[in-house]
Amino acid sequence: MGTMNLAPPTAPGNARPAPGKVWPTPGKVWLVGAGPGDPDLLTLRAARLLMQAEVVVHDGLVDPRVLAMAPPSARLVSVAKRRSRHTMAQEAINDLLVAEARAGRQVIRLKGGDPFVFGRGGEELEACLAAQVPCEVVPGVSAALGAAAAAQIPLTHRAAASAVTFVAGQCRGLAEQDWTGLAGPGRTLVIYMGLNNAGAIAAKLAADGLAGDTPVAVIENACRPEMRTLRGDLAGLAALVHDSGVTGPALIVIGAVAAGHDIGALASELSLENVF
């Protein structure tokens, strides 16, 4: 995409800044969605806030090009989370946000995708409100929506899917979770954080009756220069991830829409025309 062309940064709300920064409160936390990767997919509000930030507390999946938009004076704090390896526990992140805001700083809590979609934004909002720290949420393009669009996979399609569900593939009690009916004819299932459990996920869905030849797509490094989309079927999902050397971040899309541009023909073969 082209270079982002933004008007001069504005202060939060409708006010225009004076020669220096003008913020509405002495200290505040902004839960900001960084979008799926490409800086051009930031909202204008997110970009303007980031360009005036004093402290940026960011996830590990935020693209470096997005972080580069913060001013040189901003302090960047990484709280990256990886499977079983957390830079900082969630409770400590909550405490950090509250402490920085109480010290009078404008804190941008920058999260990949949207703060309220598998981003623990709700927990951080609750912590700020409990501490009586002003907090505002700035939505972002979610990873699922951005990745699917970049891979040209419509999550809904009149010929193939009238429902879409987002689930986390890396969570406690995965085996005990009831996913019955989340995938199948007329439905699309999008799985976040599912790479390490790809085999278990495929087995779980197969046990629920999902056909082994159901199309799947794995979208790796969505909306970044190194993005790639891999396609296969449910039975071969684990092998697809392993043999292709997928290391993530990645999303798994399951359903007829994952087949590619022959969605309509596939839907007809699966007799989905009477689903809607």
C-alpha atoms as a PDB file:
ATOM      1  CA  MET A   1       0.000   0.000   0.000  1.00  0.00           C
ATOM      2  CA  GLY A   2       1.000   3.611  -0.404  1.00  0.00           C
ATOM      3  CA  THR A   3       2.389   5.867   2.252  1.00  0.00           C
ATOM      4  CA  MET A   4      -0.157   7.063   4.768  1.00  0.00           C
ATOM      5  CA  ASN A   5      -1.113  10.694   4.206  1.00  0.00           C
ATOM      6  CA  LEU A   6      -2.515  12.222   7.367  1.00  0.00           C
ATOM      7  CA  ALA A   7      -3.539  15.687   8.351  1.00  0.00           C
ATOM      8  CA  PRO A   8      -1.499  17.218  11.173  1.00  0.00           C
ATOM      9  CA  PRO A   9      -2.090  15.366  14.438  1.00  0.00           C
ATOM     10  CA  THR A  10      -5.054  16.517  16.449  1.00  0.00           C
ATOM     11  CA  ALA A  11      -5.593  16.198  20.148  1.00  0.00           C
ATOM     12  CA  PRO A  12      -8.086  13.593  21.345  1.00  0.00           C
ATOM     13  CA  GLY A  13     -11.663  14.661  20.929  1.00  0.00           C
ATOM     14  CA  ASN A  14     -12.436  17.572  18.645  1.00  0.00           C
ATOM     15  CA  ALA A  15      -9.843  20.052  19.928  1.00  0.00           C
ATOM     16  CA  ARG A  16      -6.934  21.258  17.861  1.00  0.00           C
ATOM     17  CA  PRO A  17      -3.571  21.266  19.619  1.00  0.00           C
ATOM     18  CA  ALA A  18      -1.589  24.360  20.455  1.00  0.00           C
ATOM     19  CA  PRO A  19       2.075  24.381  19.365  1.00  0.00           C
ATOM     20  CA  GLY A  20       2.680  21.765  22.063  1.00  0.00           C
ATOM     21  CA  LYS A  21       0.515  18.800  22.944  1.00  0.00           C
ATOM     22  CA  VAL A  22      -2.948  19.428  24.262  1.00  0.00           C
ATOM     23  CA  TRP A  23      -4.620  16.545  26.055  1.00  0.00           C
ATOM     24  CA  PRO A  24      -8.048  16.601  27.693  1.00  0.00           C
ATOM     25  CA  THR A  25      -6.951  15.213  31.065  1.00  0.00           C
ATOM     26  CA  PRO A  26      -3.721  15.165  33.124  1.00  0.00           C
ATOM     27  CA  GLY A  27      -3.388  11.418  32.594  1.00  0.00           C
ATOM     28  CA  LYS A  28      -5.359   8.900  30.555  1.00  0.00           C
ATOM     29  CA  VAL A  29      -5.193   5.425  29.030  1.00  0.00           C
ATOM     30  CA  TRP A  30      -6.175   4.861  25.420  1.00  0.00           C
ATOM     31  CA  LEU A  31      -6.834   1.252  24.367  1.00  0.00           C
ATOM     32  CA  VAL A  32      -5.959   1.488  20.691  1.00  0.00           C
ATOM     33  CA  GLY A  33      -6.392  -1.123  17.970  1.00  0.00           C
ATOM     34  CA  ALA A  34      -3.308  -1.266  15.750  1.00  0.00           C
ATOM     35  CA  GLY A  35      -5.100  -3.213  13.023  1.00  0.00           C
ATOM     36  CA  PRO A  36      -3.872  -6.396  11.335  1.00  0.00           C
ATOM     37  CA  GLY A  37      -0.394  -5.197  10.343  1.00  0.00           C
ATOM     38  CA  ASP A  38      -0.058  -2.649   7.578  1.00  0.00           C
ATOM     39  CA  PRO A  39       0.130   0.912   8.964  1.00  0.00           C
ATOM     40  CA  ASP A  40      -2.241   2.050   6.217  1.00  0.00           C
ATOM     41  CA  LEU A  41      -4.973   0.027   7.933  1.00  0.00           C
ATOM     42  CA  LEU A  42      -4.805   2.077  11.126  1.00  0.00           C
ATOM     43  CA  THR A  43      -7.784   4.291  11.767  1.00  0.00           C
ATOM     44  CA  LEU A  44      -7.081   8.022  11.526  1.00  0.00           C
ATOM     45  CA  ARG A  45      -7.835   8.394  15.222  1.00  0.00           C
ATOM     46  CA  ALA A  46      -5.355   5.653  16.148  1.00  0.00           C
ATOM     47  CA  ALA A  47      -2.649   7.231  13.994  1.00  0.00           C
ATOM     48  CA  ARG A  48      -3.173  10.701  15.446  1.00  0.00           C
ATOM     49  CA  LEU A  49      -3.074   9.447  19.016  1.00  0.00           C
ATOM     50  CA  LEU A  50       0.047   7.404  18.350  1.00  0.00           C
ATOM     51  CA  MET A  51       1.849  10.375  16.828  1.00  0.00           C
ATOM     52  CA  GLN A  52       1.317  12.323  20.066  1.00  0.00           C
ATOM     53  CA  ALA A  53       1.934   9.504  22.519  1.00  0.00           C
ATOM     54  CA  GLU A  54       3.996   9.941  25.659  1.00  0.00           C
ATOM     55  CA  VAL A  55       4.060   6.246  26.607  1.00  0.00           C
ATOM     56  CA  VAL A  56       3.265   3.365  24.234  1.00  0.00           C
ATOM     57  CA  VAL A  57       2.628  -0.001  25.875  1.00  0.00           C
ATOM     58  CA  HIS A  58       2.482  -2.421  22.958  1.00  0.00           C
ATOM     59  CA  ASP A  59       1.963  -6.070  22.133  1.00  0.00           C
ATOM     60  CA  GLY A  60       4.604  -8.096  20.357  1.00  0.00           C
ATOM     61  CA  LEU A  61       2.471  -8.481  17.226  1.00  0.00           C
ATOM     62  CA  VAL A  62       2.266  -4.753  16.506  1.00  0.00           C
ATOM     63  CA  ASP A  63       4.111  -4.109  13.252  1.00  0.00           C
ATOM     64  CA  PRO A  64       7.388  -2.160  13.686  1.00  0.00           C
ATOM     65  CA  ARG A  65       6.203   0.271  11.020  1.00  0.00           C
ATOM     66  CA  VAL A  66       3.281   1.188  13.265  1.00  0.00           C
ATOM     67  CA  LEU A  67       5.533   1.687  16.270  1.00  0.00           C
ATOM     68  CA  ALA A  68       7.753   3.945  14.171  1.00  0.00           C
ATOM     69  CA  MET A  69       4.883   6.436  14.010  1.00  0.00           C
ATOM     70  CA  ALA A  70       5.326   7.306  17.693  1.00  0.00           C
ATOM     71  CA  PRO A  71       7.363  10.472  18.318  1.00  0.00           C
ATOM     72  CA  PRO A  72      11.035  10.095  19.294  1.00  0.00           C
ATOM     73  CA  SER A  73      10.182  11.424  22.745  1.00  0.00           C
ATOM     74  CA  ALA A  74       7.724   8.600  23.436  1.00  0.00           C
ATOM     75  CA  ARG A  75       8.732   5.752  25.721  1.00  0.00           C
ATOM     76  CA  LEU A  76       7.950   2.354  24.184  1.00  0.00           C
ATOM     77  CA  VAL A  77       7.257  -0.540  26.539  1.00  0.00           C
ATOM     78  CA  SER A  78       6.913  -4.040  25.081  1.00  0.00           C
ATOM     79  CA  VAL A  79       4.610  -6.430  26.910  1.00  0.00           C
ATOM     80  CA  ALA A  80       4.841  -9.121  24.254  1.00  0.00           C
ATOM     81  CA  LYS A  81       3.091 -12.402  24.879  1.00  0.00           C
ATOM     82  CA  ARG A  82       4.000 -15.688  23.269  1.00  0.00           C
ATOM     83  CA  ARG A  83       2.823 -19.173  24.131  1.00  0.00           C
ATOM     84  CA  SER A  84       4.074 -19.880  27.672  1.00  0.00           C
ATOM     85  CA  ARG A  85       6.424 -16.869  27.482  1.00  0.00           C
ATOM     86  CA  HIS A  86       4.986 -13.597  28.765  1.00  0.00           C
ATOM     87  CA  THR A  87       7.155 -10.503  29.099  1.00  0.00           C
ATOM     88  CA  MET A  88       4.757  -9.247  31.775  1.00  0.00           C
ATOM     89  CA  ALA A  89       1.792 -10.866  33.511  1.00  0.00           C
ATOM     90  CA  GLN A  90      -1.595  -9.347  32.705  1.00  0.00           C
ATOM     91  CA  GLU A  91      -2.041  -8.054  36.257  1.00  0.00           C
ATOM     92  CA  ALA A  92       1.315  -6.269  35.987  1.00  0.00           C
ATOM     93  CA  ILE A  93       0.263  -4.708  32.673  1.00  0.00           C
ATOM     94  CA  ASN A  94      -2.915  -3.435  34.296  1.00  0.00           C
ATOM     95  CA  ASP A  95      -0.889  -1.936  37.141  1.00  0.00           C
ATOM     96  CA  LEU A  96       1.540  -0.323  34.683  1.00  0.00           C
ATOM     97  CA  LEU A  97      -1.234   1.398  32.741  1.00  0.00           C
ATOM     98  CA  VAL A  98      -2.797   2.754  35.921  1.00  0.00           C
ATOM     99  CA  ALA A  99       0.542   3.939  37.353  1.00  0.00           C
ATOM    100  CA  GLU A 100       1.585   5.746  34.162  1.00  0.00           C
ATOM    101  CA  ALA A 101      -1.761   7.513  33.869  1.00  0.00           C
ATOM    102  CA  ARG A 102      -1.718   8.516  37.532  1.00  0.00           C
ATOM    103  CA  ALA A 103       1.711  10.011  36.931  1.00  0.00           C
ATOM    104  CA  GLY A 104       0.017  12.384  34.489  1.00  0.00           C
ATOM    105  CA  ARG A 105       1.025  10.688  31.236  1.00  0.00           C
ATOM    106  CA  GLN A 106      -0.997   9.932  28.130  1.00  0.00           C
ATOM    107  CA  VAL A 107      -0.687   6.183  27.709  1.00  0.00           C
ATOM    108  CA  ILE A 108      -1.374   4.463  24.409  1.00  0.00           C
ATOM    109  CA  ARG A 109      -2.048   0.771  24.982  1.00  0.00           C
ATOM    110  CA  LEU A 110      -1.442  -0.496  21.463  1.00  0.00           C
ATOM    111  CA  LYS A 111      -2.881  -3.872  20.530  1.00  0.00           C
ATOM    112  CA  GLY A 112      -2.806  -5.815  17.277  1.00  0.00           C
ATOM    113  CA  GLY A 113      -6.197  -5.970  15.579  1.00  0.00           C
ATOM    114  CA  ASP A 114      -9.012  -4.714  17.784  1.00  0.00           C
ATOM    115  CA  PRO A 115      -8.576  -4.299  21.563  1.00  0.00           C
ATOM    116  CA  PHE A 116     -11.782  -6.178  22.346  1.00  0.00           C
ATOM    117  CA  VAL A 117     -11.266  -9.236  20.120  1.00  0.00           C
ATOM    118  CA  PHE A 118      -8.989 -11.676  21.963  1.00  0.00           C
ATOM    119  CA  GLY A 119      -6.930  -8.710  23.094  1.00  0.00           C
ATOM    120  CA  ARG A 120      -7.715  -8.631  26.835  1.00  0.00           C
ATOM    121  CA  GLY A 121      -8.889  -5.090  26.344  1.00  0.00           C
ATOM    122  CA  GLY A 122     -11.886  -5.719  28.552  1.00  0.00           C
ATOM    123  CA  GLU A 123      -9.657  -6.676  31.477  1.00  0.00           C
ATOM    124  CA  GLU A 124      -7.555  -3.543  31.072  1.00  0.00           C
ATOM    125  CA  LEU A 125     -10.610  -1.314  30.800  1.00  0.00           C
ATOM    126  CA  GLU A 126     -11.980  -2.831  34.001  1.00  0.00           C
ATOM    127  CA  ALA A 127      -8.655  -2.217  35.782  1.00  0.00           C
ATOM    128  CA  CYS A 128      -8.595   1.440  34.726  1.00  0.00           C
ATOM    129  CA  LEU A 129     -12.204   2.030  35.732  1.00  0.00           C
ATOM    130  CA  ALA A 130     -11.653   0.335  39.084  1.00  0.00           C
ATOM    131  CA  ALA A 131      -8.687   2.668  39.685  1.00  0.00           C
ATOM    132  CA  GLN A 132     -10.752   5.665  38.516  1.00  0.00           C
ATOM    133  CA  VAL A 133      -8.304   6.301  35.682  1.00  0.00           C
ATOM    134  CA  PRO A 134      -9.848   7.800  32.529  1.00  0.00           C
ATOM    135  CA  CYS A 135      -9.839   5.285  29.693  1.00  0.00           C
ATOM    136  CA  GLU A 136     -11.052   5.379  26.116  1.00  0.00           C
ATOM    137  CA  VAL A 137     -11.256   2.618  23.510  1.00  0.00           C
ATOM    138  CA  VAL A 138     -10.237   3.204  19.887  1.00  0.00           C
ATOM    139  CA  PRO A 139     -11.375   0.272  17.737  1.00  0.00           C
ATOM    140  CA  GLY A 140      -9.188  -1.259  15.074  1.00  0.00           C
ATOM    141  CA  VAL A 141      -9.584  -3.526  12.060  1.00  0.00           C
ATOM    142  CA  SER A 142      -9.604  -6.966  13.658  1.00  0.00           C
ATOM    143  CA  ALA A 143      -7.008  -9.538  12.653  1.00  0.00           C
ATOM    144  CA  ALA A 144      -9.696 -11.855  11.295  1.00  0.00           C
ATOM    145  CA  LEU A 145     -11.340  -9.231   9.092  1.00  0.00           C
ATOM    146  CA  GLY A 146      -8.051  -7.794   7.868  1.00  0.00           C
ATOM    147  CA  ALA A 147      -6.422 -11.161   7.183  1.00  0.00           C
ATOM    148  CA  ALA A 148      -9.439 -12.561   5.354  1.00  0.00           C
ATOM    149  CA  ALA A 149      -9.762  -9.458   3.187  1.00  0.00           C
ATOM    150  CA  ALA A 150      -6.047  -9.464   2.353  1.00  0.00           C
ATOM    151  CA  ALA A 151      -6.294 -13.150   1.383  1.00  0.00           C
ATOM    152  CA  GLN A 152      -9.460 -12.418  -0.633  1.00  0.00           C
ATOM    153  CA  ILE A 153     -11.498 -14.785   1.506  1.00  0.00           C
ATOM    154  CA  PRO A 154     -15.046 -13.473   2.125  1.00  0.00           C
ATOM    155  CA  LEU A 155     -16.033 -14.676   5.577  1.00  0.00           C
ATOM    156  CA  THR A 156     -19.666 -14.559   4.525  1.00  0.00           C
ATOM    157  CA  HIS A 157     -20.969 -15.298   1.033  1.00  0.00           C
ATOM    158  CA  ARG A 158     -24.533 -15.698  -0.203  1.00  0.00           C
ATOM    159  CA  ALA A 159     -23.619 -18.982  -1.861  1.00  0.00           C
ATOM    160  CA  ALA A 160     -21.626 -20.452   1.002  1.00  0.00           C
ATOM    161  CA  ALA A 161     -21.835 -18.876   4.463  1.00  0.00           C
ATOM    162  CA  SER A 162     -24.373 -16.764   6.330  1.00  0.00           C
ATOM    163  CA  ALA A 163     -22.675 -17.071   9.725  1.00  0.00           C
ATOM    164  CA  VAL A 164     -19.134 -16.593  10.992  1.00  0.00           C
ATOM    165  CA  THR A 165     -17.675 -17.435  14.398  1.00  0.00           C
ATOM    166  CA  PHE A 166     -14.369 -16.429  15.993  1.00  0.00           C
ATOM    167  CA  VAL A 167     -12.771 -18.777  18.524  1.00  0.00           C
ATOM    168  CA  ALA A 168      -9.446 -18.993  20.338  1.00  0.00           C
ATOM    169  CA  GLY A 169      -7.493 -22.145  19.548  1.00  0.00           C
ATOM    170  CA  GLN A 170      -5.039 -21.636  22.388  1.00  0.00           C
ATOM    171  CA  CYS A 171      -6.862 -21.551  25.676  1.00  0.00           C
ATOM    172  CA  ARG A 172      -7.509 -23.527  28.797  1.00  0.00           C
ATOM    173  CA  GLY A 173      -9.817 -26.504  28.476  1.00  0.00           C
ATOM    174  CA  LEU A 174      -9.828 -26.616  24.678  1.00  0.00           C
ATOM    175  CA  ALA A 175     -10.873 -30.267  24.634  1.00  0.00           C
ATOM    176  CA  GLU A 176     -13.840 -29.564  26.898  1.00  0.00           C
ATOM    177  CA  GLN A 177     -15.155 -26.608  24.927  1.00  0.00           C
ATOM    178  CA  ASP A 178     -18.315 -27.209  22.942  1.00  0.00           C
ATOM    179  CA  TRP A 179     -17.781 -26.163  19.335  1.00  0.00           C
ATOM    180  CA  THR A 180     -20.696 -28.197  18.015  1.00  0.00           C
ATOM    181  CA  GLY A 181     -22.354 -26.387  15.137  1.00  0.00           C
ATOM    182  CA  LEU A 182     -19.731 -23.657  14.818  1.00  0.00           C
ATOM    183  CA  ALA A 183     -18.422 -25.111  11.546  1.00  0.00           C
ATOM    184  CA  GLY A 184     -20.263 -26.863   8.737  1.00  0.00           C
ATOM    185  CA  PRO A 185     -22.554 -26.090   5.807  1.00  0.00           C
ATOM    186  CA  GLY A 186     -23.404 -22.397   5.654  1.00  0.00           C
ATOM    187  CA  ARG A 187     -20.880 -21.425   8.327  1.00  0.00           C
ATOM    188  CA  THR A 188     -17.341 -20.079   8.564  1.00  0.00           C
ATOM    189  CA  LEU A 189     -15.091 -20.710  11.556  1.00  0.00           C
ATOM    190  CA  VAL A 190     -12.087 -18.441  12.176  1.00  0.00           C
ATOM    191  CA  ILE A 191      -9.547 -19.667  14.708  1.00  0.00           C
ATOM    192  CA  TYR A 192      -7.103 -17.332  16.412  1.00  0.00           C
ATOM    193  CA  MET A 193      -3.901 -18.689  17.986  1.00  0.00           C
ATOM    194  CA  GLY A 194      -4.492 -22.197  16.682  1.00  0.00           C
ATOM    195  CA  LEU A 195      -1.186 -23.186  15.098  1.00  0.00           C
ATOM    196  CA  ASN A 196       0.210 -25.209  17.974  1.00  0.00           C
ATOM    197  CA  ASN A 197      -3.084 -27.045  18.374  1.00  0.00           C
ATOM    198  CA  ALA A 198      -3.852 -27.568  14.683  1.00  0.00           C
ATOM    199  CA  GLY A 199      -3.991 -31.352  14.990  1.00  0.00           C
ATOM    200  CA  ALA A 200      -6.172 -31.258  18.098  1.00  0.00           C
ATOM    201  CA  ILE A 201      -8.469 -28.694  16.494  1.00  0.00           C
ATOM    202  CA  ALA A 202      -8.928 -30.827  13.371  1.00  0.00           C
ATOM    203  CA  ALA A 203      -9.635 -33.904  15.487  1.00  0.00           C
ATOM    204  CA  LYS A 204     -12.107 -31.981  17.647  1.00  0.00           C
ATOM    205  CA  LEU A 205     -14.059 -30.717  14.642  1.00  0.00           C
ATOM    206  CA  ALA A 206     -13.974 -34.133  12.951  1.00  0.00           C
ATOM    207  CA  ALA A 207     -15.371 -35.708  16.117  1.00  0.00           C
ATOM    208  CA  ASP A 208     -18.209 -33.185  15.908  1.00  0.00           C
ATOM    209  CA  GLY A 209     -19.003 -34.485  12.428  1.00  0.00           C
ATOM    210  CA  LEU A 210     -17.217 -31.990  10.185  1.00  0.00           C
ATOM    211  CA  ALA A 211     -16.124 -33.669   6.941  1.00  0.00           C
ATOM    212  CA  GLY A 212     -12.425 -34.210   6.418  1.00  0.00           C
ATOM    213  CA  ASP A 213     -12.549 -32.565   2.987  1.00  0.00           C
ATOM    214  CA  THR A 214     -13.891 -29.287   4.387  1.00  0.00           C
ATOM    215  CA  PRO A 215     -11.701 -26.479   2.957  1.00  0.00           C
ATOM    216  CA  VAL A 216      -9.266 -24.709   5.263  1.00  0.00           C
ATOM    217  CA  ALA A 217      -6.941 -21.751   4.782  1.00  0.00           C
ATOM    218  CA  VAL A 218      -4.024 -20.710   6.953  1.00  0.00           C
ATOM    219  CA  ILE A 219      -3.156 -17.011   6.664  1.00  0.00           C
ATOM    220  CA  GLU A 220       0.304 -16.233   7.983  1.00  0.00           C
ATOM    221  CA  ASN A 221       1.692 -12.738   8.656  1.00  0.00           C
ATOM    222  CA  ALA A 222      -1.459 -11.111   7.337  1.00  0.00           C
ATOM    223  CA  CYS A 223      -1.232  -7.606   5.862  1.00  0.00           C
ATOM    224  CA  ARG A 224       2.571  -7.649   5.946  1.00  0.00           C
ATOM    225  CA  PRO A 225       5.062  -7.952   3.083  1.00  0.00           C
ATOM    226  CA  GLU A 226       5.796 -11.587   4.002  1.00  0.00           C
ATOM    227  CA  MET A 227       2.139 -12.647   4.086  1.00  0.00           C
ATOM    228  CA  ARG A 228       1.186 -15.978   2.584  1.00  0.00           C
ATOM    229  CA  THR A 229      -2.036 -17.988   2.335  1.00  0.00           C
ATOM    230  CA  LEU A 230      -1.978 -21.779   2.431  1.00  0.00           C
ATOM    231  CA  ARG A 231      -4.981 -23.893   1.461  1.00  0.00           C
ATOM    232  CA  GLY A 232      -5.933 -27.466   2.159  1.00  0.00           C
ATOM    233  CA  ASP A 233      -8.605 -29.479   3.931  1.00  0.00           C
ATOM    234  CA  LEU A 234      -9.504 -30.261   7.503  1.00  0.00           C
ATOM    235  CA  ALA A 235      -7.982 -33.743   7.460  1.00  0.00           C
ATOM    236  CA  GLY A 236      -4.647 -32.342   6.354  1.00  0.00           C
ATOM    237  CA  LEU A 237      -4.606 -29.221   8.542  1.00  0.00           C
ATOM    238  CA  ALA A 238      -1.847 -30.344  10.908  1.00  0.00           C
ATOM    239  CA  ALA A 239       0.342 -31.511   8.021  1.00  0.00           C
ATOM    240  CA  LEU A 240      -0.280 -28.263   6.136  1.00  0.00           C
ATOM    241  CA  VAL A 241       0.951 -26.217   9.095  1.00  0.00           C
ATOM    242  CA  HIS A 242       3.930 -28.470   9.752  1.00  0.00           C
ATOM    243  CA  ASP A 243       5.077 -29.128   6.190  1.00  0.00           C
ATOM    244  CA  SER A 244       4.787 -25.463   5.206  1.00  0.00           C
ATOM    245  CA  GLY A 245       6.855 -24.318   8.162  1.00  0.00           C
ATOM    246  CA  VAL A 246       4.190 -21.963   9.467  1.00  0.00           C
ATOM    247  CA  THR A 247       5.479 -20.208  12.557  1.00  0.00           C
ATOM    248  CA  GLY A 248       2.890 -17.461  12.779  1.00  0.00           C
ATOM    249  CA  PRO A 249       1.257 -15.240  13.599  1.00  0.00           C
ATOM    250  CA  ALA A 250      -1.513 -16.932  11.679  1.00  0.00           C
ATOM    251  CA  LEU A 251      -5.259 -17.394  11.474  1.00  0.00           C
ATOM    252  CA  ILE A 252      -7.077 -20.541  10.407  1.00  0.00           C
ATOM    253  CA  VAL A 253     -10.252 -20.202   8.329  1.00  0.00           C
ATOM    254  CA  ILE A 254     -12.484 -23.268   8.001  1.00  0.00           C
ATOM    255  CA  GLY A 255     -15.446 -23.565   5.670  1.00  0.00           C
ATOM    256  CA  ALA A 256     -16.440 -23.367   2.023  1.00  0.00           C
ATOM    257  CA  VAL A 257     -15.218 -19.776   1.714  1.00  0.00           C
ATOM    258  CA  ALA A 258     -11.655 -20.964   2.342  1.00  0.00           C
ATOM    259  CA  ALA A 259     -11.595 -22.863  -0.945  1.00  0.00           C
ATOM    260  CA  GLY A 260     -10.674 -19.858  -3.039  1.00  0.00           C
ATOM    261  CA  HIS A 261     -12.405 -18.203  -5.940  1.00  0.00           C
ATOM    262  CA  ASP A 262     -14.559 -21.250  -6.798  1.00  0.00           C
ATOM    263  CA  ILE A 263     -16.726 -20.684  -3.727  1.00  0.00           C
ATOM    264  CA  GLY A 264     -20.003 -20.753  -5.632  1.00  0.00           C
ATOM    265  CA  ALA A 265     -19.186 -24.007  -7.394  1.00  0.00           C
ATOM    266  CA  LEU A 266     -18.079 -25.620  -4.154  1.00  0.00           C
ATOM    267  CA  ALA A 267     -21.228 -24.494  -2.380  1.00  0.00           C
ATOM    268  CA  SER A 268     -23.286 -26.109  -5.126  1.00  0.00           C
ATOM    269  CA  GLU A 269     -21.357 -29.352  -4.779  1.00  0.00           C
ATOM    270  CA  LEU A 270     -22.006 -29.328  -1.034  1.00  0.00           C
ATOM    271  CA  SER A 271     -25.714 -28.636  -1.676  1.00  0.00           C
ATOM    272  CA  LEU A 272     -25.662 -25.376   0.218  1.00  0.00           C
ATOM    273  CA  GLU A 273     -28.016 -23.533  -2.095  1.00  0.00           C
ATOM    274  CA  ASN A 274     -30.957 -24.406   0.141  1.00  0.00           C
ATOM    275  CA  VAL A 275     -29.299 -23.255   3.365  1.00  0.00           C
ATOM    276  CA  PHE A 276     -30.353 -19.631   2.932  1.00  0.00           C
END
